[in-house]
Amino acid sequence: MNRRNFLAGLGSAPFLTGMAGAVNAQGRPGQKQELARTAREVWEAWKSAYLQPDGRVVDRLQSNASHSEGQGYGMVLATEFEDHDALRRIFDWTEAHLAIRGDALLAWRYLPESDDRVPDRNNASDGDLFYAWALARASRRFSEPGYLSRATDIAGDLAEKCIRPSPAAGNEMVFLPAEHGFVDDEGVVLNPSYLMPLAMRELGTATGVDDLALAARSGEALTMRLALDGPVPDWIRITEEGISEAEGFSANAGYEAMRVPLFLVWSGLQSHPAVQQMMRIYERAVRPGAPVPTRIAPASSEVLEASNDAGYRAVAGLVSCAGRVGQIGADMPPFDPSQPYYPATLQMFAMIAANEVSPECVPV
């Protein structure tokens, strides 16, 4: 059994069927086959709900738009499930419709119902990161060196245009949300959820772009400082004077920031203070049948908004399990393909993170 292969994952089946009892890598052959079959059904359900035949990942809540983030997320999933056909379709669509900037990066949004379908050619650094990370992984998984060549080009431009020294600490690097619009003479505006340490380190190693690993290390330190005062917020501003709220951006720990503890757990950083902060909030607020917190006031940890979508409950289950030493089994619901694209994709990521780095947190 290859632990990195989610298709033979540790207890994947409960996400779709709700069946009790995770099976580990020493389970009977019949059990392994059943888990592989049911995990494949989860992936097929995600594809059917959110991936068009032409390779476009659709966010129906955002006017059926597509984003470089969603295309990158879809490619990570396709690689994880060893679905080369899906990966190739997503890649081909993205190259045709978003790789139009004149550099290696992607335009961040495609609007199918607009006369100008790509009205803004600015990039989104998290979309570029996941897209390039997926290509680097796919190059190994499918023995396609061309994927790594494309990933290397993206990584180089991403480092050149979206990584720079922090205004507050010259020995640290910041990961800008995009090439344009987040830097002025006094400081920078950042989105901490754009940092994915595992992706940055793996991509940096695969491509030789060392600045990605440096930015990952600085990002871990930054989120550690932010978590000292509460859950990590969606957006912040950094100047020479330090960290403050970013005017015009969300200062709450909301739908974007919930990715911070998820990505840290996936990166093997379960004891990180940002994970511990959210673990405490989830343990206080998450109850059977009650909606899961999705927007929180960092200073008071007051829950401002909550949701019943299965994906958010899956993230809460993973964080609550991974952040507590000795806990066995995460409280994750069955996968629900009727939920919006975003929580559904976070649920898939929570499943993969449990399989790759926290096998004790497969659901029971």
Protein backbone atom coordinates (compact mmCIF):
# COMPACT_ATOMS: atom_id res chain seq x y z
CA MET A 1 0.00 0.00 0.00
CA ASN A 2 1.25 3.48 -0.89
CA ARG A 3 0.07 5.84 1.87
CA ARG A 4 0.28 8.75 -0.55
CA ASN A 5 -2.27 7.09 -2.82
CA PHE A 6 -5.63 8.26 -1.58
CA LEU A 7 -7.46 5.69 -3.70
CA ALA A 8 -6.26 3.09 -1.25
CA GLY A 9 -6.73 5.56 1.57
CA LEU A 10 -7.05 4.94 5.25
CA GLY A 11 -10.78 4.89 5.82
CA SER A 12 -11.91 6.93 2.84
CA ALA A 13 -15.29 5.27 2.56
CA PRO A 14 -16.98 6.93 5.54
CA PHE A 15 -16.89 10.29 3.75
CA LEU A 16 -19.38 9.06 1.19
CA THR A 17 -21.39 6.37 2.94
CA GLY A 18 -21.11 7.22 6.63
CA MET A 19 -19.95 3.66 7.32
CA ALA A 20 -18.28 3.20 10.71
CA GLY A 21 -14.83 1.79 11.31
CA ALA A 22 -11.76 2.99 9.46
CA VAL A 23 -9.61 0.29 7.91
CA ASN A 24 -5.86 0.66 7.97
CA ALA A 25 -3.26 -0.44 5.48
CA GLN A 26 -3.19 -3.95 6.99
CA GLY A 27 -6.92 -4.51 6.37
CA ARG A 28 -8.17 -7.49 4.39
CA PRO A 29 -7.81 -7.26 0.58
CA GLY A 30 -11.58 -7.12 0.17
CA GLN A 31 -11.75 -4.19 2.57
CA LYS A 32 -9.02 -2.35 0.70
CA GLN A 33 -10.83 -2.86 -2.59
CA GLU A 34 -14.07 -1.56 -1.12
CA LEU A 35 -12.36 1.53 0.25
CA ALA A 36 -10.69 2.18 -3.09
CA ARG A 37 -14.01 1.78 -4.91
CA THR A 38 -15.89 4.09 -2.56
CA ALA A 39 -13.13 6.71 -2.53
CA ARG A 40 -13.32 6.69 -6.30
CA GLU A 41 -17.06 7.34 -6.01
CA VAL A 42 -16.35 10.42 -3.90
CA TRP A 43 -14.04 11.76 -6.61
CA GLU A 44 -16.56 10.98 -9.33
CA ALA A 45 -19.22 12.82 -7.31
CA TRP A 46 -16.97 15.89 -7.01
CA LYS A 47 -16.23 15.83 -10.75
CA SER A 48 -19.89 15.44 -11.67
CA ALA A 49 -20.90 18.38 -9.49
CA TYR A 50 -18.15 20.91 -10.19
CA LEU A 51 -16.07 19.94 -13.25
CA GLN A 52 -17.37 20.52 -16.76
CA PRO A 53 -16.38 18.12 -19.56
CA ASP A 54 -14.13 20.80 -21.09
CA GLY A 55 -12.06 21.03 -17.88
CA ARG A 56 -13.56 24.17 -16.34
CA VAL A 57 -14.13 24.04 -12.55
CA VAL A 58 -17.32 26.00 -11.88
CA ASP A 59 -18.16 28.03 -8.78
CA ARG A 60 -21.93 28.38 -9.14
CA LEU A 61 -22.27 30.75 -6.18
CA GLN A 62 -19.97 33.20 -7.98
CA SER A 63 -22.05 33.62 -11.16
CA ASN A 64 -20.73 30.32 -12.52
CA ALA A 65 -17.25 31.83 -12.59
CA SER A 66 -14.00 29.92 -12.67
CA HIS A 67 -10.84 30.95 -10.86
CA SER A 68 -7.20 29.99 -11.07
CA GLU A 69 -7.68 28.77 -7.48
CA GLY A 70 -10.39 26.32 -8.52
CA GLN A 71 -8.43 25.10 -11.53
CA GLY A 72 -5.40 24.51 -9.32
CA TYR A 73 -7.49 22.81 -6.64
CA GLY A 74 -9.06 20.55 -9.24
CA MET A 75 -5.66 19.56 -10.61
CA VAL A 76 -4.39 18.68 -7.13
CA LEU A 77 -7.43 16.43 -6.67
CA ALA A 78 -7.09 14.84 -10.11
CA THR A 79 -3.45 14.02 -9.38
CA GLU A 80 -4.30 12.60 -5.97
CA PHE A 81 -6.92 10.32 -7.51
CA GLU A 82 -4.61 9.37 -10.40
CA ASP A 83 -7.12 10.69 -12.93
CA HIS A 84 -4.86 11.77 -15.76
CA ASP A 85 -7.77 12.41 -18.12
CA ALA A 86 -9.35 14.92 -15.70
CA LEU A 87 -5.99 16.54 -15.04
CA ARG A 88 -5.30 16.96 -18.74
CA ARG A 89 -8.74 18.47 -19.37
CA ILE A 90 -8.35 20.97 -16.52
CA PHE A 91 -4.83 21.82 -17.67
CA ASP A 92 -5.84 22.31 -21.29
CA TRP A 93 -8.79 24.55 -20.43
CA THR A 94 -6.71 26.64 -18.04
CA GLU A 95 -3.87 27.08 -20.51
CA ALA A 96 -6.32 28.17 -23.19
CA HIS A 97 -8.38 30.61 -21.11
CA LEU A 98 -6.28 31.87 -18.15
CA ALA A 99 -2.65 31.56 -19.30
CA ILE A 100 -2.96 34.80 -21.27
CA ARG A 101 -0.86 37.31 -19.31
CA GLY A 102 2.40 37.27 -21.24
CA ASP A 103 4.25 35.63 -18.34
CA ALA A 104 3.92 32.18 -16.76
CA LEU A 105 1.19 33.16 -14.27
CA LEU A 106 -2.58 32.85 -14.68
CA ALA A 107 -5.28 35.49 -14.88
CA TRP A 108 -7.29 34.99 -11.73
CA ARG A 109 -10.92 34.85 -12.93
CA TYR A 110 -13.04 33.77 -15.90
CA LEU A 111 -16.62 35.10 -16.20
CA PRO A 112 -18.58 32.99 -18.71
CA GLU A 113 -21.60 35.30 -18.77
CA SER A 114 -19.62 38.49 -19.41
CA ASP A 115 -18.78 40.04 -22.78
CA ASP A 116 -15.19 40.28 -21.58
CA ARG A 117 -14.70 36.91 -19.95
CA VAL A 118 -11.31 37.79 -18.43
CA PRO A 119 -11.66 41.49 -17.59
CA ASP A 120 -8.80 41.51 -15.05
CA ARG A 121 -5.49 39.91 -15.96
CA ASN A 122 -4.01 40.26 -12.49
CA ASN A 123 -3.02 36.92 -11.02
CA ALA A 124 -3.93 35.26 -7.71
CA SER A 125 -0.85 33.83 -6.07
CA ASP A 126 -2.64 30.98 -4.32
CA GLY A 127 -4.16 29.87 -7.61
CA ASP A 128 -0.74 29.91 -9.27
CA LEU A 129 0.75 28.04 -6.30
CA PHE A 130 -1.74 25.19 -6.34
CA TYR A 131 -1.68 24.97 -10.13
CA ALA A 132 2.11 24.68 -10.22
CA TRP A 133 2.16 22.32 -7.22
CA ALA A 134 -0.33 20.04 -8.96
CA LEU A 135 1.84 20.04 -12.09
CA ALA A 136 4.94 19.16 -10.08
CA ARG A 137 3.13 16.28 -8.40
CA ALA A 138 1.57 15.19 -11.68
CA SER A 139 4.98 15.14 -13.36
CA ARG A 140 6.04 12.42 -10.92
CA ARG A 141 2.71 10.62 -10.77
CA PHE A 142 2.22 10.37 -14.55
CA SER A 143 5.89 10.51 -15.68
CA GLU A 144 5.29 13.68 -17.70
CA PRO A 145 8.39 15.94 -17.65
CA GLY A 146 6.51 18.69 -19.51
CA TYR A 147 4.37 19.30 -16.44
CA LEU A 148 7.46 20.01 -14.35
CA SER A 149 8.79 22.40 -16.98
CA ARG A 150 5.55 24.40 -16.83
CA ALA A 151 5.59 24.30 -13.01
CA THR A 152 9.15 25.63 -13.00
CA ASP A 153 8.21 28.58 -15.16
CA ILE A 154 5.27 29.42 -12.88
CA ALA A 155 7.36 29.04 -9.72
CA GLY A 156 10.02 31.39 -11.07
CA ASP A 157 7.56 34.13 -11.99
CA LEU A 158 5.62 33.65 -8.76
CA ALA A 159 8.78 34.17 -6.72
CA GLU A 160 9.87 37.16 -8.80
CA LYS A 161 6.54 38.99 -8.73
CA CYS A 162 4.80 37.89 -5.52
CA ILE A 163 7.57 37.29 -2.95
CA ARG A 164 9.40 40.21 -1.36
CA PRO A 165 11.01 41.18 1.98
CA SER A 166 8.60 42.01 4.77
CA PRO A 167 8.32 45.73 5.60
CA ALA A 168 8.44 44.83 9.29
CA ALA A 169 11.32 42.35 9.23
CA GLY A 170 13.83 42.38 6.42
CA ASN A 171 14.95 38.81 7.14
CA GLU A 172 11.41 37.53 6.46
CA MET A 173 9.63 37.18 3.14
CA VAL A 174 5.97 37.90 2.40
CA PHE A 175 3.78 36.13 -0.15
CA LEU A 176 1.72 38.79 -1.90
CA PRO A 177 -1.85 37.94 -2.98
CA ALA A 178 -1.10 39.09 -6.53
CA GLU A 179 1.44 40.99 -8.59
CA HIS A 180 -0.59 44.20 -8.53
CA GLY A 181 -2.73 46.00 -5.97
CA PHE A 182 -1.37 44.97 -2.58
CA VAL A 183 1.77 47.09 -2.15
CA ASP A 184 2.13 50.80 -1.43
CA ASP A 185 4.91 53.05 -0.17
CA GLU A 186 4.21 52.18 3.47
CA GLY A 187 3.46 48.49 3.46
CA VAL A 188 1.70 45.45 2.05
CA VAL A 189 -1.69 43.77 2.38
CA LEU A 190 -1.62 39.99 2.81
CA ASN A 191 -4.04 37.08 2.95
CA PRO A 192 -2.58 34.47 5.33
CA SER A 193 -4.70 31.70 3.81
CA TYR A 194 -2.75 32.02 0.56
CA LEU A 195 0.18 30.42 2.37
CA MET A 196 0.31 26.64 1.96
CA PRO A 197 3.63 25.51 3.46
CA LEU A 198 3.60 21.98 2.06
CA ALA A 199 2.84 23.18 -1.46
CA MET A 200 5.47 25.92 -1.28
CA ARG A 201 8.17 23.57 -0.01
CA GLU A 202 7.41 20.75 -2.43
CA LEU A 203 7.21 23.14 -5.37
CA GLY A 204 10.42 24.89 -4.33
CA THR A 205 12.26 21.58 -4.05
CA ALA A 206 10.93 20.26 -7.37
CA THR A 207 11.77 23.42 -9.31
CA GLY A 208 14.81 24.78 -7.47
CA VAL A 209 13.00 28.06 -6.66
CA ASP A 210 14.29 28.45 -3.10
CA ASP A 211 12.34 31.63 -2.34
CA LEU A 212 9.17 29.57 -2.05
CA ALA A 213 10.56 27.62 0.90
CA LEU A 214 11.82 30.85 2.49
CA ALA A 215 8.36 32.39 2.13
CA ALA A 216 6.80 29.27 3.64
CA ARG A 217 9.05 29.49 6.69
CA SER A 218 8.31 33.20 7.10
CA GLY A 219 4.60 32.51 6.65
CA GLU A 220 4.60 29.95 9.43
CA ALA A 221 6.23 32.50 11.73
CA LEU A 222 3.75 35.19 10.69
CA THR A 223 0.69 33.03 11.35
CA MET A 224 2.21 32.01 14.66
CA ARG A 225 2.37 35.66 15.74
CA LEU A 226 -1.15 36.30 14.50
CA ALA A 227 -2.49 33.29 16.40
CA LEU A 228 -1.19 34.62 19.71
CA ASP A 229 -4.16 37.00 19.80
CA GLY A 230 -6.86 34.72 18.42
CA PRO A 231 -7.78 32.95 15.18
CA VAL A 232 -5.88 34.13 12.11
CA PRO A 233 -7.88 36.79 10.18
CA ASP A 234 -8.72 36.79 6.49
CA TRP A 235 -6.57 39.84 5.67
CA ILE A 236 -3.85 41.88 7.38
CA ARG A 237 -1.62 44.86 6.65
CA ILE A 238 2.11 44.94 7.45
CA THR A 239 4.17 48.12 7.71
CA GLU A 240 7.43 49.01 9.45
CA GLU A 241 5.36 49.55 12.59
CA GLY A 242 4.01 46.01 12.53
CA ILE A 243 0.72 44.23 11.80
CA SER A 244 -2.69 45.92 11.64
CA GLU A 245 -6.09 45.52 10.03
CA ALA A 246 -6.22 46.03 6.28
CA GLU A 247 -8.67 48.82 5.48
CA GLY A 248 -11.36 47.67 3.07
CA PHE A 249 -10.70 43.97 3.68
CA SER A 250 -12.22 41.46 6.10
CA ALA A 251 -10.61 41.55 9.53
CA ASN A 252 -12.59 38.52 10.69
CA ALA A 253 -11.48 34.90 10.61
CA GLY A 254 -13.88 33.91 7.87
CA TYR A 255 -14.33 31.70 4.87
CA GLU A 256 -10.81 32.38 3.61
CA ALA A 257 -8.96 32.05 6.90
CA MET A 258 -10.48 28.65 7.68
CA ARG A 259 -7.95 27.31 5.18
CA VAL A 260 -5.07 28.36 7.45
CA PRO A 261 -5.38 25.53 10.02
CA LEU A 262 -6.37 23.07 7.28
CA PHE A 263 -3.22 23.82 5.28
CA LEU A 264 -1.05 23.74 8.41
CA VAL A 265 -2.37 20.30 9.38
CA TRP A 266 -1.83 19.11 5.80
CA SER A 267 1.74 20.41 6.10
CA GLY A 268 2.31 18.32 9.24
CA LEU A 269 2.14 21.30 11.62
CA GLN A 270 -0.63 20.08 13.91
CA SER A 271 0.82 21.79 16.99
CA HIS A 272 1.01 25.22 15.32
CA PRO A 273 -0.77 27.90 17.41
CA ALA A 274 -3.15 28.72 14.54
CA VAL A 275 -4.35 25.11 14.58
CA GLN A 276 -4.68 25.16 18.35
CA GLN A 277 -6.70 28.40 18.31
CA MET A 278 -9.25 27.02 15.88
CA MET A 279 -9.35 23.69 17.66
CA ARG A 280 -10.46 25.43 20.84
CA ILE A 281 -13.14 27.40 18.99
CA TYR A 282 -14.44 24.31 17.22
CA GLU A 283 -14.50 22.30 20.43
CA ARG A 284 -16.52 25.01 22.11
CA ALA A 285 -18.94 25.71 19.27
CA VAL A 286 -19.38 22.55 17.17
CA ARG A 287 -22.24 20.32 18.28
CA PRO A 288 -24.22 17.56 16.51
CA GLY A 289 -26.90 19.13 14.36
CA ALA A 290 -25.63 22.68 14.95
CA PRO A 291 -24.03 24.75 12.18
CA VAL A 292 -20.25 25.08 12.12
CA PRO A 293 -18.55 28.48 12.67
CA THR A 294 -17.50 30.08 9.39
CA ARG A 295 -16.89 33.69 10.45
CA ILE A 296 -15.33 34.59 13.79
CA ALA A 297 -14.28 37.85 15.43
CA PRO A 298 -10.55 37.28 16.18
CA ALA A 299 -10.34 39.51 19.27
CA SER A 300 -13.28 37.93 21.12
CA SER A 301 -13.58 34.58 19.31
CA GLU A 302 -17.30 35.35 18.96
CA VAL A 303 -18.98 33.31 16.23
CA LEU A 304 -20.54 35.74 13.73
CA GLU A 305 -21.73 33.27 11.10
CA ALA A 306 -22.13 29.52 10.78
CA SER A 307 -23.01 26.97 8.10
CA ASN A 308 -24.42 23.47 7.81
CA ASP A 309 -22.34 22.63 4.73
CA ALA A 310 -20.59 19.29 5.17
CA GLY A 311 -17.22 20.62 4.01
CA TYR A 312 -16.92 23.09 6.86
CA ARG A 313 -17.80 20.37 9.36
CA ALA A 314 -15.12 18.15 7.81
CA VAL A 315 -12.50 20.87 8.30
CA ALA A 316 -13.62 21.33 11.90
CA GLY A 317 -13.42 17.59 12.46
CA LEU A 318 -9.91 17.34 11.06
CA VAL A 319 -8.60 20.35 12.99
CA SER A 320 -10.21 19.21 16.24
CA CYS A 321 -8.66 15.76 15.90
CA ALA A 322 -5.22 16.68 14.55
CA GLY A 323 -4.74 19.47 17.07
CA ARG A 324 -5.26 17.20 20.07
CA VAL A 325 -2.58 14.64 20.90
CA GLY A 326 -3.93 11.17 21.40
CA GLN A 327 -7.33 11.64 19.79
CA ILE A 328 -8.40 8.88 17.45
CA GLY A 329 -10.97 9.47 14.73
CA ALA A 330 -12.30 12.75 13.33
CA ASP A 331 -15.96 13.71 13.30
CA MET A 332 -16.40 14.18 9.55
CA PRO A 333 -19.74 13.84 7.73
CA PRO A 334 -20.36 11.95 4.49
CA PHE A 335 -19.36 13.84 1.36
CA ASP A 336 -22.25 15.91 0.01
CA PRO A 337 -22.03 16.82 -3.71
CA SER A 338 -25.02 19.17 -3.38
CA GLN A 339 -23.03 21.66 -1.32
CA PRO A 340 -21.27 24.59 -3.03
CA TYR A 341 -17.92 24.07 -4.74
CA TYR A 342 -15.84 25.73 -2.02
CA PRO A 343 -16.86 23.68 1.06
CA ALA A 344 -16.97 20.55 -1.09
CA THR A 345 -13.36 21.10 -2.14
CA LEU A 346 -12.25 21.85 1.41
CA GLN A 347 -13.87 18.57 2.43
CA MET A 348 -11.83 16.73 -0.19
CA PHE A 349 -8.68 18.44 1.09
CA ALA A 350 -9.51 17.47 4.68
CA MET A 351 -9.84 13.86 3.55
CA ILE A 352 -6.49 13.96 1.77
CA ALA A 353 -4.76 15.68 4.70
CA ALA A 354 -6.01 13.01 7.08
CA ASN A 355 -4.76 10.28 4.75
CA GLU A 356 -1.36 11.84 4.06
CA VAL A 357 -0.28 13.15 7.45
CA SER A 358 -2.88 12.41 10.17
CA PRO A 359 -4.08 8.81 9.70
CA GLU A 360 -5.29 8.81 13.29
CA CYS A 361 -7.90 11.32 12.14
CA VAL A 362 -9.68 9.19 9.58
CA PRO A 363 -13.35 9.13 10.63
CA VAL A 364 -14.71 6.40 12.89
